Amino acid sequence: QVQLVESGGGLVQAGGFQRLSCAASGSIFSIHTMGWFRQAPGKQRELVAVITSGGSTNYGDSVKGRFTISRDKAKNTVLLQMNSLKPEDTAVYYCYLINLDRRYWGQGTQVTVSS
């Protein structure tokens, strides 16, 4: 079983920045993918960013150029640096991990961007 523990989130002014982290624990194969999804009220959950164990990244179109995903392999932690935040970024952000074709989710952390 895999556990994901998220930290970060909170209230940020538009144009500001915030950093999220997600630490994974448990039995995790060395080749795996981690990332973030988000869900705003009334909207579907959408991809924010993902990163593979090899370091390849993909971003949702709405965050390209503003968000950066990275990982600390020694700590099994994925980081999301969010810059130039917009009110449209307000959502619950969920960490996720795909390991041997099994998907795991964090509890979610609220990010609110005020105008």
N, C-alpha and C. Protein backbone atom coordinates (compact mmCIF):
# COMPACT_ATOMS: atom_id res chain seq x y z
N GLN A 1 0.83 -1.19 0.00
CA GLN A 1 0.00 0.00 0.00
C GLN A 1 0.88 1.25 0.00
N VAL A 2 0.40 2.28 -0.68
CA VAL A 2 1.12 3.53 -0.81
C VAL A 2 0.33 4.64 -0.12
N GLN A 3 1.03 5.48 0.60
CA GLN A 3 0.42 6.63 1.25
C GLN A 3 1.05 7.90 0.72
N LEU A 4 0.22 8.89 0.43
CA LEU A 4 0.67 10.18 -0.05
C LEU A 4 0.28 11.25 0.96
N VAL A 5 1.27 12.00 1.41
CA VAL A 5 1.04 13.05 2.39
C VAL A 5 1.37 14.39 1.75
N GLU A 6 0.36 15.24 1.65
CA GLU A 6 0.50 16.53 1.01
C GLU A 6 0.73 17.62 2.04
N SER A 7 1.44 18.65 1.62
CA SER A 7 1.61 19.84 2.44
C SER A 7 1.63 21.06 1.53
N GLY A 8 1.33 22.19 2.12
CA GLY A 8 1.22 23.42 1.35
C GLY A 8 -0.23 23.79 1.16
N GLY A 9 -0.47 24.71 0.29
CA GLY A 9 -1.80 25.20 0.06
C GLY A 9 -2.12 26.36 0.99
N GLY A 10 -3.28 26.96 0.75
CA GLY A 10 -3.70 28.08 1.55
C GLY A 10 -4.19 29.22 0.68
N LEU A 11 -4.25 30.39 1.28
CA LEU A 11 -4.74 31.58 0.60
C LEU A 11 -3.58 32.40 0.06
N VAL A 12 -3.66 32.74 -1.22
CA VAL A 12 -2.61 33.50 -1.89
C VAL A 12 -3.26 34.58 -2.74
N GLN A 13 -2.60 35.71 -2.83
CA GLN A 13 -3.09 36.78 -3.70
C GLN A 13 -2.75 36.50 -5.15
N ALA A 14 -3.59 36.99 -6.05
CA ALA A 14 -3.32 36.85 -7.47
C ALA A 14 -1.96 37.44 -7.80
N GLY A 15 -1.23 36.74 -8.64
CA GLY A 15 0.12 37.15 -8.98
C GLY A 15 1.18 36.61 -8.05
N GLY A 16 0.75 36.01 -6.97
CA GLY A 16 1.67 35.46 -6.00
C GLY A 16 2.11 34.06 -6.34
N PHE A 17 2.72 33.42 -5.38
CA PHE A 17 3.26 32.09 -5.60
C PHE A 17 3.01 31.20 -4.39
N GLN A 18 3.10 29.92 -4.61
CA GLN A 18 2.92 28.96 -3.55
C GLN A 18 3.59 27.65 -3.95
N ARG A 19 3.98 26.88 -2.96
CA ARG A 19 4.66 25.62 -3.21
C ARG A 19 3.93 24.49 -2.52
N LEU A 20 3.67 23.43 -3.26
CA LEU A 20 3.06 22.24 -2.72
C LEU A 20 4.06 21.10 -2.73
N SER A 21 3.92 20.21 -1.78
CA SER A 21 4.76 19.04 -1.76
C SER A 21 3.93 17.82 -1.44
N CYS A 22 4.42 16.68 -1.86
CA CYS A 22 3.74 15.42 -1.62
C CYS A 22 4.79 14.35 -1.39
N ALA A 23 4.75 13.75 -0.23
CA ALA A 23 5.69 12.70 0.12
C ALA A 23 5.02 11.34 0.04
N ALA A 24 5.63 10.44 -0.67
CA ALA A 24 5.10 9.10 -0.83
C ALA A 24 5.84 8.11 0.07
N SER A 25 5.10 7.19 0.61
CA SER A 25 5.69 6.14 1.42
C SER A 25 5.00 4.82 1.10
N GLY A 26 5.67 3.75 1.41
CA GLY A 26 5.14 2.44 1.13
C GLY A 26 5.99 1.70 0.12
N SER A 27 5.39 0.67 -0.44
CA SER A 27 6.09 -0.15 -1.42
C SER A 27 5.90 0.46 -2.80
N ILE A 28 6.95 1.12 -3.28
CA ILE A 28 6.89 1.84 -4.55
C ILE A 28 8.00 1.34 -5.46
N PHE A 29 7.62 0.90 -6.63
CA PHE A 29 8.60 0.49 -7.62
C PHE A 29 9.39 1.70 -8.08
N SER A 30 10.64 1.47 -8.44
CA SER A 30 11.52 2.58 -8.78
C SER A 30 11.06 3.34 -10.02
N ILE A 31 10.37 2.68 -10.91
CA ILE A 31 9.84 3.32 -12.10
C ILE A 31 8.37 3.64 -11.86
N HIS A 32 8.07 4.89 -11.66
CA HIS A 32 6.71 5.30 -11.38
C HIS A 32 6.52 6.77 -11.75
N THR A 33 5.28 7.18 -11.77
CA THR A 33 4.92 8.54 -12.12
C THR A 33 4.19 9.20 -10.96
N MET A 34 4.53 10.44 -10.68
CA MET A 34 3.83 11.22 -9.67
C MET A 34 3.39 12.54 -10.28
N GLY A 35 2.42 13.16 -9.65
CA GLY A 35 1.97 14.44 -10.16
C GLY A 35 0.83 15.02 -9.37
N TRP A 36 0.19 16.00 -9.98
CA TRP A 36 -0.90 16.72 -9.35
C TRP A 36 -2.07 16.88 -10.29
N PHE A 37 -3.25 16.68 -9.76
CA PHE A 37 -4.50 17.05 -10.40
C PHE A 37 -5.17 18.09 -9.53
N ARG A 38 -6.15 18.78 -10.08
CA ARG A 38 -6.91 19.72 -9.29
C ARG A 38 -8.37 19.68 -9.70
N GLN A 39 -9.22 20.09 -8.78
CA GLN A 39 -10.65 20.11 -9.04
C GLN A 39 -11.28 21.32 -8.38
N ALA A 40 -11.92 22.13 -9.19
CA ALA A 40 -12.66 23.28 -8.71
C ALA A 40 -14.13 22.92 -8.62
N PRO A 41 -14.89 23.62 -7.77
CA PRO A 41 -16.32 23.33 -7.66
C PRO A 41 -17.03 23.41 -9.00
N GLY A 42 -17.81 22.40 -9.31
CA GLY A 42 -18.56 22.37 -10.55
C GLY A 42 -17.76 21.98 -11.78
N LYS A 43 -16.50 21.65 -11.60
CA LYS A 43 -15.66 21.28 -12.72
C LYS A 43 -15.07 19.90 -12.52
N GLN A 44 -14.65 19.30 -13.62
CA GLN A 44 -14.01 18.01 -13.56
C GLN A 44 -12.58 18.13 -13.07
N ARG A 45 -12.10 17.05 -12.49
CA ARG A 45 -10.71 17.03 -12.08
C ARG A 45 -9.82 17.08 -13.32
N GLU A 46 -8.81 17.94 -13.29
CA GLU A 46 -7.96 18.12 -14.45
C GLU A 46 -6.49 17.95 -14.09
N LEU A 47 -5.73 17.56 -15.09
CA LEU A 47 -4.30 17.40 -14.92
C LEU A 47 -3.63 18.75 -14.71
N VAL A 48 -2.75 18.81 -13.72
CA VAL A 48 -1.91 19.97 -13.51
C VAL A 48 -0.51 19.70 -14.06
N ALA A 49 0.12 18.68 -13.54
CA ALA A 49 1.47 18.34 -13.97
C ALA A 49 1.80 16.93 -13.52
N VAL A 50 2.65 16.27 -14.28
CA VAL A 50 3.15 14.96 -13.91
C VAL A 50 4.64 14.90 -14.17
N ILE A 51 5.30 14.00 -13.46
CA ILE A 51 6.72 13.79 -13.66
C ILE A 51 7.02 12.31 -13.49
N THR A 52 7.81 11.77 -14.39
CA THR A 52 8.16 10.36 -14.32
C THR A 52 9.42 10.19 -13.49
N SER A 53 9.71 8.93 -13.18
CA SER A 53 10.93 8.64 -12.43
C SER A 53 12.17 9.01 -13.22
N GLY A 54 12.04 9.08 -14.54
CA GLY A 54 13.14 9.50 -15.39
C GLY A 54 13.28 11.00 -15.54
N GLY A 55 12.34 11.75 -14.98
CA GLY A 55 12.42 13.20 -15.01
C GLY A 55 11.62 13.87 -16.10
N SER A 56 10.94 13.11 -16.93
CA SER A 56 10.10 13.71 -17.97
C SER A 56 8.87 14.35 -17.35
N THR A 57 8.47 15.49 -17.87
CA THR A 57 7.34 16.23 -17.32
C THR A 57 6.31 16.55 -18.39
N ASN A 58 5.07 16.69 -17.93
CA ASN A 58 3.98 17.16 -18.77
C ASN A 58 3.10 18.08 -17.93
N TYR A 59 2.58 19.12 -18.56
CA TYR A 59 1.77 20.10 -17.87
C TYR A 59 0.43 20.29 -18.56
N GLY A 60 -0.57 20.58 -17.76
CA GLY A 60 -1.83 21.00 -18.33
C GLY A 60 -1.67 22.34 -19.02
N ASP A 61 -2.45 22.55 -20.07
CA ASP A 61 -2.31 23.78 -20.85
C ASP A 61 -2.51 25.04 -20.01
N SER A 62 -3.38 24.98 -19.03
CA SER A 62 -3.71 26.16 -18.25
C SER A 62 -2.60 26.60 -17.31
N VAL A 63 -1.61 25.74 -17.07
CA VAL A 63 -0.55 26.09 -16.12
C VAL A 63 0.82 26.15 -16.76
N LYS A 64 0.92 25.85 -18.03
CA LYS A 64 2.21 25.88 -18.70
C LYS A 64 2.84 27.26 -18.60
N GLY A 65 4.11 27.27 -18.28
CA GLY A 65 4.84 28.52 -18.15
C GLY A 65 4.73 29.16 -16.79
N ARG A 66 3.85 28.66 -15.94
CA ARG A 66 3.66 29.23 -14.61
C ARG A 66 4.00 28.26 -13.49
N PHE A 67 3.72 26.98 -13.71
CA PHE A 67 3.96 25.97 -12.69
C PHE A 67 5.16 25.11 -13.09
N THR A 68 5.87 24.64 -12.09
CA THR A 68 7.01 23.77 -12.33
C THR A 68 6.94 22.58 -11.37
N ILE A 69 7.02 21.39 -11.93
CA ILE A 69 7.01 20.19 -11.11
C ILE A 69 8.42 19.61 -11.06
N SER A 70 8.79 19.11 -9.91
CA SER A 70 10.08 18.48 -9.73
C SER A 70 9.95 17.40 -8.68
N ARG A 71 11.00 16.63 -8.51
CA ARG A 71 10.94 15.59 -7.49
C ARG A 71 12.27 15.42 -6.79
N ASP A 72 12.17 15.05 -5.55
CA ASP A 72 13.32 14.74 -4.72
C ASP A 72 13.30 13.23 -4.53
N LYS A 73 14.09 12.53 -5.29
CA LYS A 73 14.06 11.08 -5.26
C LYS A 73 14.48 10.50 -3.91
N ALA A 74 15.42 11.16 -3.27
CA ALA A 74 15.89 10.67 -1.98
C ALA A 74 14.78 10.65 -0.94
N LYS A 75 13.85 11.58 -1.05
CA LYS A 75 12.75 11.68 -0.10
C LYS A 75 11.43 11.17 -0.67
N ASN A 76 11.45 10.66 -1.90
CA ASN A 76 10.23 10.21 -2.56
C ASN A 76 9.15 11.30 -2.52
N THR A 77 9.56 12.49 -2.85
CA THR A 77 8.69 13.65 -2.75
C THR A 77 8.60 14.36 -4.09
N VAL A 78 7.39 14.77 -4.43
CA VAL A 78 7.17 15.57 -5.62
C VAL A 78 6.79 16.98 -5.19
N LEU A 79 7.33 17.96 -5.89
CA LEU A 79 7.12 19.35 -5.56
C LEU A 79 6.42 20.06 -6.71
N LEU A 80 5.59 21.00 -6.37
CA LEU A 80 4.92 21.82 -7.37
C LEU A 80 5.10 23.28 -7.00
N GLN A 81 5.87 23.98 -7.79
CA GLN A 81 6.06 25.42 -7.61
C GLN A 81 5.05 26.14 -8.49
N MET A 82 4.20 26.92 -7.87
CA MET A 82 3.14 27.62 -8.58
C MET A 82 3.43 29.12 -8.53
N ASN A 83 3.64 29.70 -9.69
CA ASN A 83 3.93 31.12 -9.80
C ASN A 83 2.84 31.82 -10.60
N SER A 84 2.82 33.14 -10.49
CA SER A 84 1.85 33.95 -11.22
C SER A 84 0.44 33.40 -11.08
N LEU A 85 0.05 33.14 -9.86
CA LEU A 85 -1.24 32.51 -9.61
C LEU A 85 -2.40 33.40 -10.01
N LYS A 86 -3.44 32.75 -10.51
CA LYS A 86 -4.65 33.42 -10.95
C LYS A 86 -5.84 32.90 -10.14
N PRO A 87 -6.90 33.69 -10.05
CA PRO A 87 -8.10 33.18 -9.37
C PRO A 87 -8.60 31.87 -9.96
N GLU A 88 -8.40 31.66 -11.24
CA GLU A 88 -8.82 30.43 -11.89
C GLU A 88 -8.05 29.21 -11.39
N ASP A 89 -6.95 29.42 -10.70
CA ASP A 89 -6.19 28.31 -10.13
C ASP A 89 -6.79 27.81 -8.82
N THR A 90 -7.78 28.50 -8.31
CA THR A 90 -8.42 28.08 -7.07
C THR A 90 -9.05 26.71 -7.24
N ALA A 91 -8.65 25.79 -6.40
CA ALA A 91 -9.13 24.41 -6.50
C ALA A 91 -8.56 23.61 -5.35
N VAL A 92 -9.05 22.40 -5.23
CA VAL A 92 -8.40 21.42 -4.37
C VAL A 92 -7.38 20.68 -5.22
N TYR A 93 -6.17 20.65 -4.75
CA TYR A 93 -5.09 20.00 -5.47
C TYR A 93 -4.80 18.64 -4.86
N TYR A 94 -4.77 17.63 -5.71
CA TYR A 94 -4.58 16.25 -5.28
C TYR A 94 -3.27 15.69 -5.82
N CYS A 95 -2.47 15.20 -4.93
CA CYS A 95 -1.28 14.47 -5.34
C CYS A 95 -1.68 13.08 -5.81
N TYR A 96 -0.99 12.58 -6.80
CA TYR A 96 -1.26 11.20 -7.22
C TYR A 96 0.02 10.50 -7.63
N LEU A 97 -0.07 9.20 -7.59
CA LEU A 97 1.06 8.35 -7.94
C LEU A 97 0.55 7.14 -8.70
N ILE A 98 1.22 6.80 -9.75
CA ILE A 98 0.92 5.58 -10.50
C ILE A 98 2.10 4.65 -10.37
N ASN A 99 1.84 3.50 -9.80
CA ASN A 99 2.88 2.53 -9.50
C ASN A 99 2.40 1.16 -9.94
N LEU A 100 3.10 0.60 -10.91
CA LEU A 100 2.73 -0.73 -11.43
C LEU A 100 1.26 -0.76 -11.85
N ASP A 101 0.84 0.27 -12.54
CA ASP A 101 -0.51 0.41 -13.08
C ASP A 101 -1.59 0.59 -12.01
N ARG A 102 -1.20 0.86 -10.79
CA ARG A 102 -2.15 1.16 -9.73
C ARG A 102 -2.05 2.64 -9.39
N ARG A 103 -3.20 3.27 -9.19
CA ARG A 103 -3.26 4.70 -8.95
C ARG A 103 -3.58 5.00 -7.49
N TYR A 104 -2.86 5.94 -6.93
CA TYR A 104 -3.07 6.36 -5.55
C TYR A 104 -3.27 7.87 -5.50
N TRP A 105 -4.08 8.31 -4.56
CA TRP A 105 -4.42 9.72 -4.42
C TRP A 105 -4.16 10.22 -3.01
N GLY A 106 -3.73 11.47 -2.91
CA GLY A 106 -3.64 12.12 -1.63
C GLY A 106 -5.00 12.63 -1.19
N GLN A 107 -5.04 13.21 -0.01
CA GLN A 107 -6.30 13.71 0.54
C GLN A 107 -6.76 15.01 -0.12
N GLY A 108 -5.85 15.73 -0.70
CA GLY A 108 -6.15 17.00 -1.33
C GLY A 108 -5.83 18.17 -0.41
N THR A 109 -5.40 19.25 -1.01
CA THR A 109 -5.12 20.47 -0.26
C THR A 109 -5.71 21.66 -1.01
N GLN A 110 -6.35 22.54 -0.28
CA GLN A 110 -7.04 23.68 -0.88
C GLN A 110 -6.06 24.79 -1.21
N VAL A 111 -6.14 25.27 -2.43
CA VAL A 111 -5.42 26.46 -2.86
C VAL A 111 -6.45 27.49 -3.28
N THR A 112 -6.43 28.64 -2.63
CA THR A 112 -7.36 29.71 -2.95
C THR A 112 -6.58 30.94 -3.35
N VAL A 113 -6.89 31.47 -4.52
CA VAL A 113 -6.21 32.64 -5.05
C VAL A 113 -7.21 33.79 -5.08
N SER A 114 -6.94 34.82 -4.34
CA SER A 114 -7.83 35.97 -4.27
C SER A 114 -7.47 36.98 -5.34
N SER A 115 -8.47 37.71 -5.82
CA SER A 115 -8.25 38.70 -6.85
C SER A 115 -7.90 40.05 -6.27
